[in-house]
Amino acid sequence: MTEIDVPDGERVTKPFKFVTGYDARFPNQNQTKHCWQNYVDYHKCILARGEEFAPCRQFYHAFRSLCPGAWIDRWDDQRGEPT
């Protein structure tokens, strides 16, 4: 949440909306690969550095803003299944 000052001195809290920046690897309108790559990068990052490593949050916010929830749920289920 972000806080915004209003003239009366009161603070209004609004939800924070994360927007991913431009990535030259994904110049096209279709952002499916961009979504997938951020999902994979997030899970690689937390495996390598742990969930407390702050830069991993960038990948998390990116895939959460780009990917439909149903895709994320399906990928999480697939990650949990033995190969």
PDB file of N, CA and C in Angstrom:
ATOM      1  N   MET A   1       0.829  -1.176   0.000  1.00  0.00           N
ATOM      2  CA  MET A   1       0.000   0.000   0.000  1.00  0.00           C
ATOM      3  C   MET A   1       0.876   1.243   0.000  1.00  0.00           C
ATOM      4  N   THR A   2       0.414   2.242  -0.685  1.00  0.00           N
ATOM      5  CA  THR A   2       1.119   3.513  -0.703  1.00  0.00           C
ATOM      6  C   THR A   2       0.258   4.561  -0.016  1.00  0.00           C
ATOM      7  N   GLU A   3       0.910   5.508   0.620  1.00  0.00           N
ATOM      8  CA  GLU A   3       0.179   6.573   1.292  1.00  0.00           C
ATOM      9  C   GLU A   3       0.333   7.853   0.496  1.00  0.00           C
ATOM     10  N   ILE A   4      -0.759   8.595   0.425  1.00  0.00           N
ATOM     11  CA  ILE A   4      -0.765   9.849  -0.310  1.00  0.00           C
ATOM     12  C   ILE A   4      -1.208  10.948   0.646  1.00  0.00           C
ATOM     13  N   ASP A   5      -0.471  12.043   0.678  1.00  0.00           N
ATOM     14  CA  ASP A   5      -0.861  13.184   1.504  1.00  0.00           C
ATOM     15  C   ASP A   5      -1.963  13.965   0.798  1.00  0.00           C
ATOM     16  N   VAL A   6      -2.983  14.324   1.572  1.00  0.00           N
ATOM     17  CA  VAL A   6      -4.042  15.183   1.062  1.00  0.00           C
ATOM     18  C   VAL A   6      -3.940  16.517   1.784  1.00  0.00           C
ATOM     19  N   PRO A   7      -4.497  17.586   1.236  1.00  0.00           N
ATOM     20  CA  PRO A   7      -4.324  18.918   1.820  1.00  0.00           C
ATOM     21  C   PRO A   7      -4.724  19.046   3.291  1.00  0.00           C
ATOM     22  N   ASP A   8      -5.701  18.299   3.756  1.00  0.00           N
ATOM     23  CA  ASP A   8      -6.165  18.421   5.139  1.00  0.00           C
ATOM     24  C   ASP A   8      -5.216  17.768   6.129  1.00  0.00           C
ATOM     25  N   GLY A   9      -4.146  17.185   5.668  1.00  0.00           N
ATOM     26  CA  GLY A   9      -3.204  16.521   6.557  1.00  0.00           C
ATOM     27  C   GLY A   9      -3.548  15.059   6.794  1.00  0.00           C
ATOM     28  N   GLU A  10      -4.665  14.596   6.258  1.00  0.00           N
ATOM     29  CA  GLU A  10      -5.033  13.186   6.395  1.00  0.00           C
ATOM     30  C   GLU A  10      -4.249  12.380   5.371  1.00  0.00           C
ATOM     31  N   ARG A  11      -4.097  11.110   5.646  1.00  0.00           N
ATOM     32  CA  ARG A  11      -3.415  10.236   4.696  1.00  0.00           C
ATOM     33  C   ARG A  11      -4.423   9.247   4.133  1.00  0.00           C
ATOM     34  N   VAL A  12      -4.358   9.090   2.839  1.00  0.00           N
ATOM     35  CA  VAL A  12      -5.224   8.149   2.149  1.00  0.00           C
ATOM     36  C   VAL A  12      -4.346   7.009   1.671  1.00  0.00           C
ATOM     37  N   THR A  13      -4.735   5.779   1.970  1.00  0.00           N
ATOM     38  CA  THR A  13      -3.966   4.615   1.558  1.00  0.00           C
ATOM     39  C   THR A  13      -4.611   4.002   0.322  1.00  0.00           C
ATOM     40  N   LYS A  14      -3.798   3.819  -0.709  1.00  0.00           N
ATOM     41  CA  LYS A  14      -4.273   3.201  -1.941  1.00  0.00           C
ATOM     42  C   LYS A  14      -3.448   1.952  -2.209  1.00  0.00           C
ATOM     43  N   PRO A  15      -4.049   0.936  -2.836  1.00  0.00           N
ATOM     44  CA  PRO A  15      -3.278  -0.276  -3.144  1.00  0.00           C
ATOM     45  C   PRO A  15      -2.178   0.010  -4.159  1.00  0.00           C
ATOM     46  N   PHE A  16      -1.064  -0.686  -3.998  1.00  0.00           N
ATOM     47  CA  PHE A  16       0.074  -0.536  -4.900  1.00  0.00           C
ATOM     48  C   PHE A  16      -0.124  -1.443  -6.097  1.00  0.00           C
ATOM     49  N   LYS A  17      -0.034  -0.888  -7.279  1.00  0.00           N
ATOM     50  CA  LYS A  17      -0.152  -1.686  -8.503  1.00  0.00           C
ATOM     51  C   LYS A  17       1.224  -1.772  -9.136  1.00  0.00           C
ATOM     52  N   PHE A  18       1.735  -2.982  -9.262  1.00  0.00           N
ATOM     53  CA  PHE A  18       3.051  -3.200  -9.853  1.00  0.00           C
ATOM     54  C   PHE A  18       2.909  -3.310 -11.362  1.00  0.00           C
ATOM     55  N   VAL A  19       3.739  -2.615 -12.079  1.00  0.00           N
ATOM     56  CA  VAL A  19       3.766  -2.678 -13.538  1.00  0.00           C
ATOM     57  C   VAL A  19       5.184  -3.045 -13.952  1.00  0.00           C
ATOM     58  N   THR A  20       5.299  -4.083 -14.763  1.00  0.00           N
ATOM     59  CA  THR A  20       6.627  -4.488 -15.213  1.00  0.00           C
ATOM     60  C   THR A  20       7.157  -3.497 -16.232  1.00  0.00           C
ATOM     61  N   GLY A  21       8.439  -3.310 -16.218  1.00  0.00           N
ATOM     62  CA  GLY A  21       9.077  -2.412 -17.169  1.00  0.00           C
ATOM     63  C   GLY A  21       9.303  -3.101 -18.504  1.00  0.00           C
ATOM     64  N   TYR A  22       9.811  -2.352 -19.444  1.00  0.00           N
ATOM     65  CA  TYR A  22      10.108  -2.887 -20.769  1.00  0.00           C
ATOM     66  C   TYR A  22      11.296  -3.839 -20.681  1.00  0.00           C
ATOM     67  N   ASP A  23      11.198  -4.960 -21.368  1.00  0.00           N
ATOM     68  CA  ASP A  23      12.288  -5.925 -21.438  1.00  0.00           C
ATOM     69  C   ASP A  23      12.573  -6.175 -22.919  1.00  0.00           C
ATOM     70  N   ALA A  24      13.763  -5.846 -23.361  1.00  0.00           N
ATOM     71  CA  ALA A  24      14.123  -5.958 -24.778  1.00  0.00           C
ATOM     72  C   ALA A  24      14.053  -7.390 -25.296  1.00  0.00           C
ATOM     73  N   ARG A  25      14.092  -8.372 -24.404  1.00  0.00           N
ATOM     74  CA  ARG A  25      13.993  -9.765 -24.852  1.00  0.00           C
ATOM     75  C   ARG A  25      12.585 -10.105 -25.328  1.00  0.00           C
ATOM     76  N   PHE A  26      11.593  -9.293 -24.938  1.00  0.00           N
ATOM     77  CA  PHE A  26      10.194  -9.562 -25.269  1.00  0.00           C
ATOM     78  C   PHE A  26       9.559  -8.315 -25.883  1.00  0.00           C
ATOM     79  N   PRO A  27       9.940  -7.967 -27.135  1.00  0.00           N
ATOM     80  CA  PRO A  27       9.475  -6.713 -27.735  1.00  0.00           C
ATOM     81  C   PRO A  27       8.048  -6.764 -28.279  1.00  0.00           C
ATOM     82  N   ASN A  28       7.482  -7.939 -28.419  1.00  0.00           N
ATOM     83  CA  ASN A  28       6.171  -8.074 -29.046  1.00  0.00           C
ATOM     84  C   ASN A  28       5.045  -7.844 -28.050  1.00  0.00           C
ATOM     85  N   GLN A  29       3.845  -7.703 -28.591  1.00  0.00           N
ATOM     86  CA  GLN A  29       2.676  -7.475 -27.756  1.00  0.00           C
ATOM     87  C   GLN A  29       2.353  -8.714 -26.917  1.00  0.00           C
ATOM     88  N   ASN A  30       2.569  -9.900 -27.468  1.00  0.00           N
ATOM     89  CA  ASN A  30       2.295 -11.133 -26.744  1.00  0.00           C
ATOM     90  C   ASN A  30       3.334 -11.307 -25.635  1.00  0.00           C
ATOM     91  N   GLN A  31       2.890 -11.287 -24.390  1.00  0.00           N
ATOM     92  CA  GLN A  31       3.799 -11.318 -23.248  1.00  0.00           C
ATOM     93  C   GLN A  31       3.831 -12.681 -22.547  1.00  0.00           C
ATOM     94  N   THR A  32       3.359 -13.717 -23.224  1.00  0.00           N
ATOM     95  CA  THR A  32       3.329 -15.049 -22.626  1.00  0.00           C
ATOM     96  C   THR A  32       4.717 -15.517 -22.213  1.00  0.00           C
ATOM     97  N   LYS A  33       5.694 -15.385 -23.074  1.00  0.00           N
ATOM     98  CA  LYS A  33       7.062 -15.803 -22.759  1.00  0.00           C
ATOM     99  C   LYS A  33       7.643 -14.953 -21.628  1.00  0.00           C
ATOM    100  N   HIS A  34       7.338 -13.666 -21.609  1.00  0.00           N
ATOM    101  CA  HIS A  34       7.798 -12.772 -20.545  1.00  0.00           C
ATOM    102  C   HIS A  34       7.235 -13.239 -19.198  1.00  0.00           C
ATOM    103  N   CYS A  35       5.962 -13.585 -19.183  1.00  0.00           N
ATOM    104  CA  CYS A  35       5.305 -14.113 -17.987  1.00  0.00           C
ATOM    105  C   CYS A  35       6.020 -15.379 -17.509  1.00  0.00           C
ATOM    106  N   TRP A  36       6.196 -16.329 -18.405  1.00  0.00           N
ATOM    107  CA  TRP A  36       6.828 -17.603 -18.074  1.00  0.00           C
ATOM    108  C   TRP A  36       8.250 -17.407 -17.570  1.00  0.00           C
ATOM    109  N   GLN A  37       9.028 -16.558 -18.227  1.00  0.00           N
ATOM    110  CA  GLN A  37      10.422 -16.347 -17.844  1.00  0.00           C
ATOM    111  C   GLN A  37      10.531 -15.755 -16.440  1.00  0.00           C
ATOM    112  N   ASN A  38       9.646 -14.839 -16.081  1.00  0.00           N
ATOM    113  CA  ASN A  38       9.667 -14.269 -14.735  1.00  0.00           C
ATOM    114  C   ASN A  38       9.262 -15.304 -13.690  1.00  0.00           C
ATOM    115  N   TYR A  39       8.311 -16.183 -14.040  1.00  0.00           N
ATOM    116  CA  TYR A  39       7.919 -17.262 -13.129  1.00  0.00           C
ATOM    117  C   TYR A  39       9.113 -18.183 -12.862  1.00  0.00           C
ATOM    118  N   VAL A  40       9.800 -18.587 -13.920  1.00  0.00           N
ATOM    119  CA  VAL A  40      10.965 -19.471 -13.799  1.00  0.00           C
ATOM    120  C   VAL A  40      12.096 -18.775 -13.043  1.00  0.00           C
ATOM    121  N   ASP A  41      12.371 -17.518 -13.381  1.00  0.00           N
ATOM    122  CA  ASP A  41      13.440 -16.772 -12.710  1.00  0.00           C
ATOM    123  C   ASP A  41      13.168 -16.622 -11.216  1.00  0.00           C
ATOM    124  N   TYR A  42      11.917 -16.406 -10.838  1.00  0.00           N
ATOM    125  CA  TYR A  42      11.573 -16.287  -9.416  1.00  0.00           C
ATOM    126  C   TYR A  42      11.895 -17.585  -8.680  1.00  0.00           C
ATOM    127  N   HIS A  43      11.478 -18.706  -9.234  1.00  0.00           N
ATOM    128  CA  HIS A  43      11.707 -19.983  -8.557  1.00  0.00           C
ATOM    129  C   HIS A  43      13.185 -20.370  -8.550  1.00  0.00           C
ATOM    130  N   LYS A  44      13.920 -20.026  -9.591  1.00  0.00           N
ATOM    131  CA  LYS A  44      15.375 -20.243  -9.579  1.00  0.00           C
ATOM    132  C   LYS A  44      16.025 -19.398  -8.490  1.00  0.00           C
ATOM    133  N   CYS A  45      15.586 -18.162  -8.375  1.00  0.00           N
ATOM    134  CA  CYS A  45      16.154 -17.224  -7.405  1.00  0.00           C
ATOM    135  C   CYS A  45      15.919 -17.699  -5.969  1.00  0.00           C
ATOM    136  N   ILE A  46      14.694 -18.128  -5.654  1.00  0.00           N
ATOM    137  CA  ILE A  46      14.442 -18.547  -4.268  1.00  0.00           C
ATOM    138  C   ILE A  46      15.127 -19.870  -3.945  1.00  0.00           C
ATOM    139  N   LEU A  47      15.338 -20.710  -4.957  1.00  0.00           N
ATOM    140  CA  LEU A  47      16.088 -21.943  -4.708  1.00  0.00           C
ATOM    141  C   LEU A  47      17.560 -21.644  -4.454  1.00  0.00           C
ATOM    142  N   ALA A  48      18.097 -20.668  -5.178  1.00  0.00           N
ATOM    143  CA  ALA A  48      19.514 -20.330  -5.040  1.00  0.00           C
ATOM    144  C   ALA A  48      19.790 -19.462  -3.814  1.00  0.00           C
ATOM    145  N   ARG A  49      18.906 -18.509  -3.526  1.00  0.00           N
ATOM    146  CA  ARG A  49      19.174 -17.510  -2.489  1.00  0.00           C
ATOM    147  C   ARG A  49      18.244 -17.581  -1.284  1.00  0.00           C
ATOM    148  N   GLY A  50      17.121 -18.276  -1.412  1.00  0.00           N
ATOM    149  CA  GLY A  50      16.160 -18.334  -0.315  1.00  0.00           C
ATOM    150  C   GLY A  50      15.063 -17.289  -0.480  1.00  0.00           C
ATOM    151  N   GLU A  51      13.939 -17.524   0.189  1.00  0.00           N
ATOM    152  CA  GLU A  51      12.781 -16.648   0.030  1.00  0.00           C
ATOM    153  C   GLU A  51      12.988 -15.265   0.621  1.00  0.00           C
ATOM    154  N   GLU A  52      13.928 -15.122   1.526  1.00  0.00           N
ATOM    155  CA  GLU A  52      14.164 -13.832   2.179  1.00  0.00           C
ATOM    156  C   GLU A  52      15.015 -12.886   1.336  1.00  0.00           C
ATOM    157  N   PHE A  53      15.557 -13.348   0.230  1.00  0.00           N
ATOM    158  CA  PHE A  53      16.417 -12.528  -0.627  1.00  0.00           C
ATOM    159  C   PHE A  53      15.544 -11.526  -1.389  1.00  0.00           C
ATOM    160  N   ALA A  54      15.680 -10.252  -1.056  1.00  0.00           N
ATOM    161  CA  ALA A  54      14.786  -9.202  -1.561  1.00  0.00           C
ATOM    162  C   ALA A  54      14.724  -9.081  -3.086  1.00  0.00           C
ATOM    163  N   PRO A  55      15.820  -9.181  -3.835  1.00  0.00           N
ATOM    164  CA  PRO A  55      15.707  -9.037  -5.294  1.00  0.00           C
ATOM    165  C   PRO A  55      14.796 -10.080  -5.962  1.00  0.00           C
ATOM    166  N   CYS A  56      14.557 -11.207  -5.317  1.00  0.00           N
ATOM    167  CA  CYS A  56      13.644 -12.205  -5.886  1.00  0.00           C
ATOM    168  C   CYS A  56      12.221 -11.656  -5.991  1.00  0.00           C
ATOM    169  N   ARG A  57      11.881 -10.695  -5.135  1.00  0.00           N
ATOM    170  CA  ARG A  57      10.537 -10.119  -5.146  1.00  0.00           C
ATOM    171  C   ARG A  57      10.225  -9.425  -6.477  1.00  0.00           C
ATOM    172  N   GLN A  58      11.244  -8.920  -7.155  1.00  0.00           N
ATOM    173  CA  GLN A  58      11.031  -8.274  -8.456  1.00  0.00           C
ATOM    174  C   GLN A  58      10.431  -9.276  -9.444  1.00  0.00           C
ATOM    175  N   PHE A  59      10.984 -10.490  -9.488  1.00  0.00           N
ATOM    176  CA  PHE A  59      10.446 -11.525 -10.373  1.00  0.00           C
ATOM    177  C   PHE A  59       9.033 -11.918  -9.955  1.00  0.00           C
ATOM    178  N   TYR A  60       8.814 -12.009  -8.633  1.00  0.00           N
ATOM    179  CA  TYR A  60       7.494 -12.376  -8.114  1.00  0.00           C
ATOM    180  C   TYR A  60       6.441 -11.365  -8.576  1.00  0.00           C
ATOM    181  N   HIS A  61       6.715 -10.098  -8.354  1.00  0.00           N
ATOM    182  CA  HIS A  61       5.754  -9.071  -8.747  1.00  0.00           C
ATOM    183  C   HIS A  61       5.555  -9.050 -10.259  1.00  0.00           C
ATOM    184  N   ALA A  62       6.603  -9.294 -11.012  1.00  0.00           N
ATOM    185  CA  ALA A  62       6.498  -9.293 -12.471  1.00  0.00           C
ATOM    186  C   ALA A  62       5.595 -10.421 -12.953  1.00  0.00           C
ATOM    187  N   PHE A  63       5.817 -11.648 -12.480  1.00  0.00           N
ATOM    188  CA  PHE A  63       4.972 -12.734 -12.996  1.00  0.00           C
ATOM    189  C   PHE A  63       3.553 -12.636 -12.461  1.00  0.00           C
ATOM    190  N   ARG A  64       3.374 -12.102 -11.249  1.00  0.00           N
ATOM    191  CA  ARG A  64       2.016 -11.936 -10.720  1.00  0.00           C
ATOM    192  C   ARG A  64       1.233 -10.885 -11.507  1.00  0.00           C
ATOM    193  N   SER A  65       1.911  -9.896 -12.060  1.00  0.00           N
ATOM    194  CA  SER A  65       1.199  -8.876 -12.836  1.00  0.00           C
ATOM    195  C   SER A  65       0.997  -9.305 -14.292  1.00  0.00           C
ATOM    196  N   LEU A  66       1.879 -10.158 -14.825  1.00  0.00           N
ATOM    197  CA  LEU A  66       1.790 -10.559 -16.228  1.00  0.00           C
ATOM    198  C   LEU A  66       0.960 -11.820 -16.462  1.00  0.00           C
ATOM    199  N   CYS A  67       0.998 -12.769 -15.545  1.00  0.00           N
ATOM    200  CA  CYS A  67       0.412 -14.089 -15.778  1.00  0.00           C
ATOM    201  C   CYS A  67      -1.009 -14.200 -15.224  1.00  0.00           C
ATOM    202  N   PRO A  68      -1.904 -14.846 -15.965  1.00  0.00           N
ATOM    203  CA  PRO A  68      -3.224 -15.145 -15.417  1.00  0.00           C
ATOM    204  C   PRO A  68      -3.091 -16.111 -14.233  1.00  0.00           C
ATOM    205  N   GLY A  69      -3.944 -15.948 -13.243  1.00  0.00           N
ATOM    206  CA  GLY A  69      -3.894 -16.771 -12.038  1.00  0.00           C
ATOM    207  C   GLY A  69      -4.025 -18.261 -12.320  1.00  0.00           C
ATOM    208  N   ALA A  70      -4.841 -18.631 -13.310  1.00  0.00           N
ATOM    209  CA  ALA A  70      -5.027 -20.046 -13.637  1.00  0.00           C
ATOM    210  C   ALA A  70      -3.717 -20.672 -14.114  1.00  0.00           C
ATOM    211  N   TRP A  71      -2.923 -19.923 -14.858  1.00  0.00           N
ATOM    212  CA  TRP A  71      -1.627 -20.441 -15.321  1.00  0.00           C
ATOM    213  C   TRP A  71      -0.705 -20.679 -14.143  1.00  0.00           C
ATOM    214  N   ILE A  72      -0.657 -19.721 -13.239  1.00  0.00           N
ATOM    215  CA  ILE A  72       0.220 -19.845 -12.070  1.00  0.00           C
ATOM    216  C   ILE A  72      -0.181 -21.049 -11.237  1.00  0.00           C
ATOM    217  N   ASP A  73      -1.488 -21.224 -11.019  1.00  0.00           N
ATOM    218  CA  ASP A  73      -1.973 -22.380 -10.254  1.00  0.00           C
ATOM    219  C   ASP A  73      -1.571 -23.685 -10.930  1.00  0.00           C
ATOM    220  N   ARG A  74      -1.730 -23.752 -12.250  1.00  0.00           N
ATOM    221  CA  ARG A  74      -1.382 -24.968 -12.990  1.00  0.00           C
ATOM    222  C   ARG A  74       0.116 -25.247 -12.916  1.00  0.00           C
ATOM    223  N   TRP A  75       0.939 -24.210 -13.078  1.00  0.00           N
ATOM    224  CA  TRP A  75       2.391 -24.394 -13.005  1.00  0.00           C
ATOM    225  C   TRP A  75       2.817 -24.818 -11.605  1.00  0.00           C
ATOM    226  N   ASP A  76       2.186 -24.247 -10.580  1.00  0.00           N
ATOM    227  CA  ASP A  76       2.505 -24.645  -9.205  1.00  0.00           C
ATOM    228  C   ASP A  76       2.150 -26.118  -8.975  1.00  0.00           C
ATOM    229  N   ASP A  77       1.003 -26.541  -9.519  1.00  0.00           N
ATOM    230  CA  ASP A  77       0.612 -27.952  -9.405  1.00  0.00           C
ATOM    231  C   ASP A  77       1.609 -28.847 -10.132  1.00  0.00           C
ATOM    232  N   GLN A  78       2.044 -28.442 -11.308  1.00  0.00           N
ATOM    233  CA  GLN A  78       3.001 -29.231 -12.083  1.00  0.00           C
ATOM    234  C   GLN A  78       4.353 -29.306 -11.386  1.00  0.00           C
ATOM    235  N   ARG A  79       4.758 -28.241 -10.721  1.00  0.00           N
ATOM    236  CA  ARG A  79       6.026 -28.246  -9.988  1.00  0.00           C
ATOM    237  C   ARG A  79       5.961 -29.209  -8.806  1.00  0.00           C
ATOM    238  N   GLY A  80       4.768 -29.394  -8.246  1.00  0.00           N
ATOM    239  CA  GLY A  80       4.616 -30.263  -7.090  1.00  0.00           C
ATOM    240  C   GLY A  80       4.553 -31.740  -7.435  1.00  0.00           C
ATOM    241  N   GLU A  81       4.280 -32.055  -8.694  1.00  0.00           N
ATOM    242  CA  GLU A  81       4.171 -33.452  -9.111  1.00  0.00           C
ATOM    243  C   GLU A  81       5.556 -34.059  -9.328  1.00  0.00           C
ATOM    244  N   PRO A  82       5.731 -35.327  -8.944  1.00  0.00           N
ATOM    245  CA  PRO A  82       7.012 -35.987  -9.234  1.00  0.00           C
ATOM    246  C   PRO A  82       7.139 -36.237 -10.735  1.00  0.00           C
ATOM    247  N   THR A  83       8.360 -36.224 -11.220  1.00  0.00           N
ATOM    248  CA  THR A  83       8.574 -36.443 -12.658  1.00  0.00           C
ATOM    249  C   THR A  83       8.683 -37.900 -12.990  1.00  0.00           C
TER     250      THR A  83
END
